[in-house]
Amino acid sequence: MEIRQIRQEDDRMAISHIYEESWKFAYRNIVPQSYLDSIPVGAWASCLDQEGAHTLVMVEDGAFVGTSSFGRSRFAEFKEFGEIISIYLLPEYIGKGYGGPLLDAVVDKLGKLGFRDIFLRVLEENTRARRFYEKAGFFPSGVWWDDTIGGKELRELQYCRNIL
């Protein structure tokens, strides 16, 4: 397994596929199924090269199996924080020890970018992910955002961690 920075020649559609499949797996019974079923192929491909964001990929036997985007917080009230924007694995790699190394790599990269405090957002109903982040030293800050996905009202919780 290799975790590395995304390269210009990497297939953005293959990386977007990780997001698509992970959403359909992780958010089943949280986000309306009709919304998950309507996610188009390549939905995240154009997001992988956003200015100010960094992307790591996890490669296993030449195939992309995980990805994470991160950078300076996108929120003015947390401008001094690093943010883990996303971290996703293909469903067949979830729960098999791949997430920890990917999360560790992202935390390490944020530390090297000079961030002392980092955060991420996680759906309140996504108890599996919340346990994963808590095991990795993240804690709920008490900050949340209300969001609507596929017509359903959902709450995203902020999880924080000090890394230096």
C-alpha atoms as a PDB file:
ATOM      1  CA  MET A   1       0.000   0.000   0.000  1.00  0.00           C
ATOM      2  CA  GLU A   2       1.229   3.481  -0.917  1.00  0.00           C
ATOM      3  CA  ILE A   3      -0.105   6.833   0.282  1.00  0.00           C
ATOM      4  CA  ARG A   4       1.044   9.776  -1.785  1.00  0.00           C
ATOM      5  CA  GLN A   5       0.139  13.182  -3.141  1.00  0.00           C
ATOM      6  CA  ILE A   6      -2.107  13.156  -6.193  1.00  0.00           C
ATOM      7  CA  ARG A   7      -0.191  13.512  -9.458  1.00  0.00           C
ATOM      8  CA  GLN A   8      -1.121  15.306 -12.662  1.00  0.00           C
ATOM      9  CA  GLU A   9      -1.311  12.001 -14.539  1.00  0.00           C
ATOM     10  CA  ASP A  10      -3.611  10.316 -11.982  1.00  0.00           C
ATOM     11  CA  ASP A  11      -7.057   9.376 -13.250  1.00  0.00           C
ATOM     12  CA  ARG A  12      -9.486  11.842 -11.637  1.00  0.00           C
ATOM     13  CA  MET A  13     -12.451   9.660 -12.600  1.00  0.00           C
ATOM     14  CA  ALA A  14     -10.999   6.664 -10.746  1.00  0.00           C
ATOM     15  CA  ILE A  15     -10.433   8.825  -7.670  1.00  0.00           C
ATOM     16  CA  SER A  16     -13.938  10.294  -7.922  1.00  0.00           C
ATOM     17  CA  HIS A  17     -15.231   6.711  -8.020  1.00  0.00           C
ATOM     18  CA  ILE A  18     -13.918   6.277  -4.450  1.00  0.00           C
ATOM     19  CA  TYR A  19     -16.072   9.195  -3.283  1.00  0.00           C
ATOM     20  CA  GLU A  20     -19.123   7.920  -5.137  1.00  0.00           C
ATOM     21  CA  GLU A  21     -18.931   4.374  -3.816  1.00  0.00           C
ATOM     22  CA  SER A  22     -18.006   5.455  -0.305  1.00  0.00           C
ATOM     23  CA  TRP A  23     -20.959   7.849  -0.139  1.00  0.00           C
ATOM     24  CA  LYS A  24     -23.334   5.109  -1.295  1.00  0.00           C
ATOM     25  CA  PHE A  25     -21.986   2.748   1.371  1.00  0.00           C
ATOM     26  CA  ALA A  26     -21.290   5.014   4.350  1.00  0.00           C
ATOM     27  CA  TYR A  27     -24.386   7.194   4.049  1.00  0.00           C
ATOM     28  CA  ARG A  28     -26.894   4.402   3.343  1.00  0.00           C
ATOM     29  CA  ASN A  29     -29.821   4.844   5.772  1.00  0.00           C
ATOM     30  CA  ILE A  30     -28.559   8.357   6.601  1.00  0.00           C
ATOM     31  CA  VAL A  31     -28.886  10.237   3.303  1.00  0.00           C
ATOM     32  CA  PRO A  32     -32.011   9.486   1.224  1.00  0.00           C
ATOM     33  CA  GLN A  33     -31.380   6.529  -1.082  1.00  0.00           C
ATOM     34  CA  SER A  34     -32.798   8.438  -4.042  1.00  0.00           C
ATOM     35  CA  TYR A  35     -30.046  11.026  -3.602  1.00  0.00           C
ATOM     36  CA  LEU A  36     -27.320   8.381  -3.324  1.00  0.00           C
ATOM     37  CA  ASP A  37     -28.662   6.622  -6.421  1.00  0.00           C
ATOM     38  CA  SER A  38     -28.531   9.909  -8.356  1.00  0.00           C
ATOM     39  CA  ILE A  39     -24.831  10.644  -7.735  1.00  0.00           C
ATOM     40  CA  PRO A  40     -23.374  10.960 -11.229  1.00  0.00           C
ATOM     41  CA  VAL A  41     -20.219   9.200 -12.355  1.00  0.00           C
ATOM     42  CA  GLY A  42     -17.305  11.592 -11.956  1.00  0.00           C
ATOM     43  CA  ALA A  43     -19.147  13.873  -9.538  1.00  0.00           C
ATOM     44  CA  TRP A  44     -15.966  14.703  -7.596  1.00  0.00           C
ATOM     45  CA  ALA A  45     -13.430  14.639 -10.443  1.00  0.00           C
ATOM     46  CA  SER A  46     -13.384  18.413 -10.891  1.00  0.00           C
ATOM     47  CA  CYS A  47     -12.995  19.008  -7.137  1.00  0.00           C
ATOM     48  CA  LEU A  48      -9.678  17.190  -6.834  1.00  0.00           C
ATOM     49  CA  ASP A  49      -7.555  20.088  -8.048  1.00  0.00           C
ATOM     50  CA  GLN A  50      -9.152  22.969  -6.164  1.00  0.00           C
ATOM     51  CA  GLU A  51      -6.809  25.798  -5.317  1.00  0.00           C
ATOM     52  CA  GLY A  52      -5.700  25.686  -1.696  1.00  0.00           C
ATOM     53  CA  ALA A  53      -6.634  22.047  -1.192  1.00  0.00           C
ATOM     54  CA  HIS A  54      -4.250  19.115  -1.133  1.00  0.00           C
ATOM     55  CA  THR A  55      -5.194  15.569  -2.058  1.00  0.00           C
ATOM     56  CA  LEU A  56      -3.634  12.283  -1.017  1.00  0.00           C
ATOM     57  CA  VAL A  57      -4.399   8.969  -2.669  1.00  0.00           C
ATOM     58  CA  MET A  58      -4.007   5.474  -1.292  1.00  0.00           C
ATOM     59  CA  VAL A  59      -2.883   2.950  -3.887  1.00  0.00           C
ATOM     60  CA  GLU A  60      -3.023  -0.824  -3.448  1.00  0.00           C
ATOM     61  CA  ASP A  61      -1.665  -3.093  -6.193  1.00  0.00           C
ATOM     62  CA  GLY A  62      -1.790  -0.231  -8.700  1.00  0.00           C
ATOM     63  CA  ALA A  63      -5.433   0.701  -7.975  1.00  0.00           C
ATOM     64  CA  PHE A  64      -6.800   3.696  -6.103  1.00  0.00           C
ATOM     65  CA  VAL A  65      -8.574   2.515  -2.939  1.00  0.00           C
ATOM     66  CA  GLY A  66      -8.686   5.652  -0.787  1.00  0.00           C
ATOM     67  CA  THR A  67      -8.355   9.411  -0.924  1.00  0.00           C
ATOM     68  CA  SER A  68      -8.335  12.433   1.331  1.00  0.00           C
ATOM     69  CA  SER A  69      -8.427  16.175   0.704  1.00  0.00           C
ATOM     70  CA  PHE A  70      -7.190  18.702   3.240  1.00  0.00           C
ATOM     71  CA  GLY A  71      -5.829  22.204   3.691  1.00  0.00           C
ATOM     72  CA  ARG A  72      -6.402  25.475   5.508  1.00  0.00           C
ATOM     73  CA  SER A  73      -9.914  25.765   6.931  1.00  0.00           C
ATOM     74  CA  ARG A  74     -12.558  26.887   4.458  1.00  0.00           C
ATOM     75  CA  PHE A  75     -14.386  28.669   7.301  1.00  0.00           C
ATOM     76  CA  ALA A  76     -13.415  32.189   8.404  1.00  0.00           C
ATOM     77  CA  GLU A  77     -14.174  31.490  12.064  1.00  0.00           C
ATOM     78  CA  PHE A  78     -11.597  28.658  12.021  1.00  0.00           C
ATOM     79  CA  LYS A  79      -9.018  30.353   9.783  1.00  0.00           C
ATOM     80  CA  GLU A  80      -6.058  29.219  11.913  1.00  0.00           C
ATOM     81  CA  PHE A  81      -7.106  25.564  11.723  1.00  0.00           C
ATOM     82  CA  GLY A  82      -6.186  22.893   9.236  1.00  0.00           C
ATOM     83  CA  GLU A  83      -9.191  21.046   7.852  1.00  0.00           C
ATOM     84  CA  ILE A  84      -9.631  17.482   6.713  1.00  0.00           C
ATOM     85  CA  ILE A  85     -12.154  18.144   3.972  1.00  0.00           C
ATOM     86  CA  SER A  86     -12.731  14.510   3.081  1.00  0.00           C
ATOM     87  CA  ILE A  87     -11.434  11.034   3.729  1.00  0.00           C
ATOM     88  CA  TYR A  88     -12.943   8.111   1.832  1.00  0.00           C
ATOM     89  CA  LEU A  89     -12.176   4.486   1.042  1.00  0.00           C
ATOM     90  CA  LEU A  90     -13.771   2.068  -1.367  1.00  0.00           C
ATOM     91  CA  PRO A  91     -16.350   0.064   0.638  1.00  0.00           C
ATOM     92  CA  GLU A  92     -14.398  -3.195   0.414  1.00  0.00           C
ATOM     93  CA  TYR A  93     -11.491  -1.513   2.279  1.00  0.00           C
ATOM     94  CA  ILE A  94     -13.576  -0.014   5.096  1.00  0.00           C
ATOM     95  CA  GLY A  95     -13.023  -1.684   8.463  1.00  0.00           C
ATOM     96  CA  LYS A  96      -9.884  -3.499   7.302  1.00  0.00           C
ATOM     97  CA  GLY A  97      -7.169  -1.231   8.677  1.00  0.00           C
ATOM     98  CA  TYR A  98      -6.760   1.125   5.731  1.00  0.00           C
ATOM     99  CA  GLY A  99      -8.434   4.194   7.196  1.00  0.00           C
ATOM    100  CA  GLY A 100      -5.997   4.657  10.076  1.00  0.00           C
ATOM    101  CA  PRO A 101      -2.869   4.964   7.921  1.00  0.00           C
ATOM    102  CA  LEU A 102      -4.654   7.350   5.540  1.00  0.00           C
ATOM    103  CA  LEU A 103      -5.863   9.525   8.415  1.00  0.00           C
ATOM    104  CA  ASP A 104      -2.381   9.469   9.987  1.00  0.00           C
ATOM    105  CA  ALA A 105      -0.847  10.588   6.679  1.00  0.00           C
ATOM    106  CA  VAL A 106      -3.276  13.504   6.411  1.00  0.00           C
ATOM    107  CA  VAL A 107      -2.664  14.571  10.013  1.00  0.00           C
ATOM    108  CA  ASP A 108       1.088  14.402   9.367  1.00  0.00           C
ATOM    109  CA  LYS A 109       0.752  16.538   6.214  1.00  0.00           C
ATOM    110  CA  LEU A 110      -1.338  19.139   8.066  1.00  0.00           C
ATOM    111  CA  GLY A 111       1.323  19.282  10.773  1.00  0.00           C
ATOM    112  CA  LYS A 112       4.007  19.822   8.138  1.00  0.00           C
ATOM    113  CA  LEU A 113       1.903  22.674   6.742  1.00  0.00           C
ATOM    114  CA  GLY A 114       2.231  24.292  10.173  1.00  0.00           C
ATOM    115  CA  PHE A 115      -1.188  23.639  11.670  1.00  0.00           C
ATOM    116  CA  ARG A 116      -1.417  22.957  15.379  1.00  0.00           C
ATOM    117  CA  ASP A 117      -5.165  22.471  15.488  1.00  0.00           C
ATOM    118  CA  ILE A 118      -7.192  20.596  12.919  1.00  0.00           C
ATOM    119  CA  PHE A 119     -10.823  19.708  12.424  1.00  0.00           C
ATOM    120  CA  LEU A 120     -13.201  17.798  10.227  1.00  0.00           C
ATOM    121  CA  ARG A 121     -16.937  17.591   9.794  1.00  0.00           C
ATOM    122  CA  VAL A 122     -18.887  14.367  10.205  1.00  0.00           C
ATOM    123  CA  LEU A 123     -22.584  13.630   9.911  1.00  0.00           C
ATOM    124  CA  GLU A 124     -24.099  13.214  13.361  1.00  0.00           C
ATOM    125  CA  GLU A 125     -25.820   9.995  12.304  1.00  0.00           C
ATOM    126  CA  ASN A 126     -22.584   8.489  10.958  1.00  0.00           C
ATOM    127  CA  THR A 127     -21.710   6.677  14.184  1.00  0.00           C
ATOM    128  CA  ARG A 128     -19.147   4.407  12.521  1.00  0.00           C
ATOM    129  CA  ALA A 129     -17.093   7.391  11.330  1.00  0.00           C
ATOM    130  CA  ARG A 130     -17.493   9.174  14.660  1.00  0.00           C
ATOM    131  CA  ARG A 131     -16.081   6.157  16.516  1.00  0.00           C
ATOM    132  CA  PHE A 132     -13.195   5.997  14.028  1.00  0.00           C
ATOM    133  CA  TYR A 133     -12.312   9.665  14.568  1.00  0.00           C
ATOM    134  CA  GLU A 134     -12.679   9.425  18.339  1.00  0.00           C
ATOM    135  CA  LYS A 135     -10.327   6.428  18.399  1.00  0.00           C
ATOM    136  CA  ALA A 136      -7.832   8.587  16.456  1.00  0.00           C
ATOM    137  CA  GLY A 137      -7.919  11.326  19.110  1.00  0.00           C
ATOM    138  CA  PHE A 138     -10.558  13.631  17.644  1.00  0.00           C
ATOM    139  CA  PHE A 139     -13.270  15.009  19.915  1.00  0.00           C
ATOM    140  CA  PRO A 140     -16.574  16.770  19.248  1.00  0.00           C
ATOM    141  CA  SER A 141     -16.101  20.515  19.770  1.00  0.00           C
ATOM    142  CA  GLY A 142     -19.767  21.329  20.302  1.00  0.00           C
ATOM    143  CA  VAL A 143     -19.914  23.212  16.978  1.00  0.00           C
ATOM    144  CA  TRP A 144     -22.310  21.956  14.335  1.00  0.00           C
ATOM    145  CA  TRP A 145     -23.784  22.903  10.986  1.00  0.00           C
ATOM    146  CA  ASP A 146     -27.272  22.093   9.807  1.00  0.00           C
ATOM    147  CA  ASP A 147     -27.373  20.893   6.227  1.00  0.00           C
ATOM    148  CA  THR A 148     -29.874  19.468   3.790  1.00  0.00           C
ATOM    149  CA  ILE A 149     -28.816  16.561   1.579  1.00  0.00           C
ATOM    150  CA  GLY A 150     -31.315  15.025  -0.784  1.00  0.00           C
ATOM    151  CA  GLY A 151     -34.132  16.893   0.954  1.00  0.00           C
ATOM    152  CA  LYS A 152     -33.286  15.516   4.400  1.00  0.00           C
ATOM    153  CA  GLU A 153     -32.224  17.784   7.259  1.00  0.00           C
ATOM    154  CA  LEU A 154     -28.909  16.566   8.647  1.00  0.00           C
ATOM    155  CA  ARG A 155     -26.461  17.854  11.213  1.00  0.00           C
ATOM    156  CA  GLU A 156     -22.711  17.878  10.701  1.00  0.00           C
ATOM    157  CA  LEU A 157     -20.578  17.896  13.825  1.00  0.00           C
ATOM    158  CA  GLN A 158     -17.142  19.444  14.086  1.00  0.00           C
ATOM    159  CA  TYR A 159     -14.477  17.108  15.455  1.00  0.00           C
ATOM    160  CA  CYS A 160     -11.148  18.664  16.513  1.00  0.00           C
ATOM    161  CA  ARG A 161      -7.670  17.510  17.402  1.00  0.00           C
ATOM    162  CA  ASN A 162      -4.452  19.189  18.467  1.00  0.00           C
ATOM    163  CA  ILE A 163      -1.490  17.758  16.552  1.00  0.00           C
ATOM    164  CA  LEU A 164       1.622  19.572  17.779  1.00  0.00           C
END
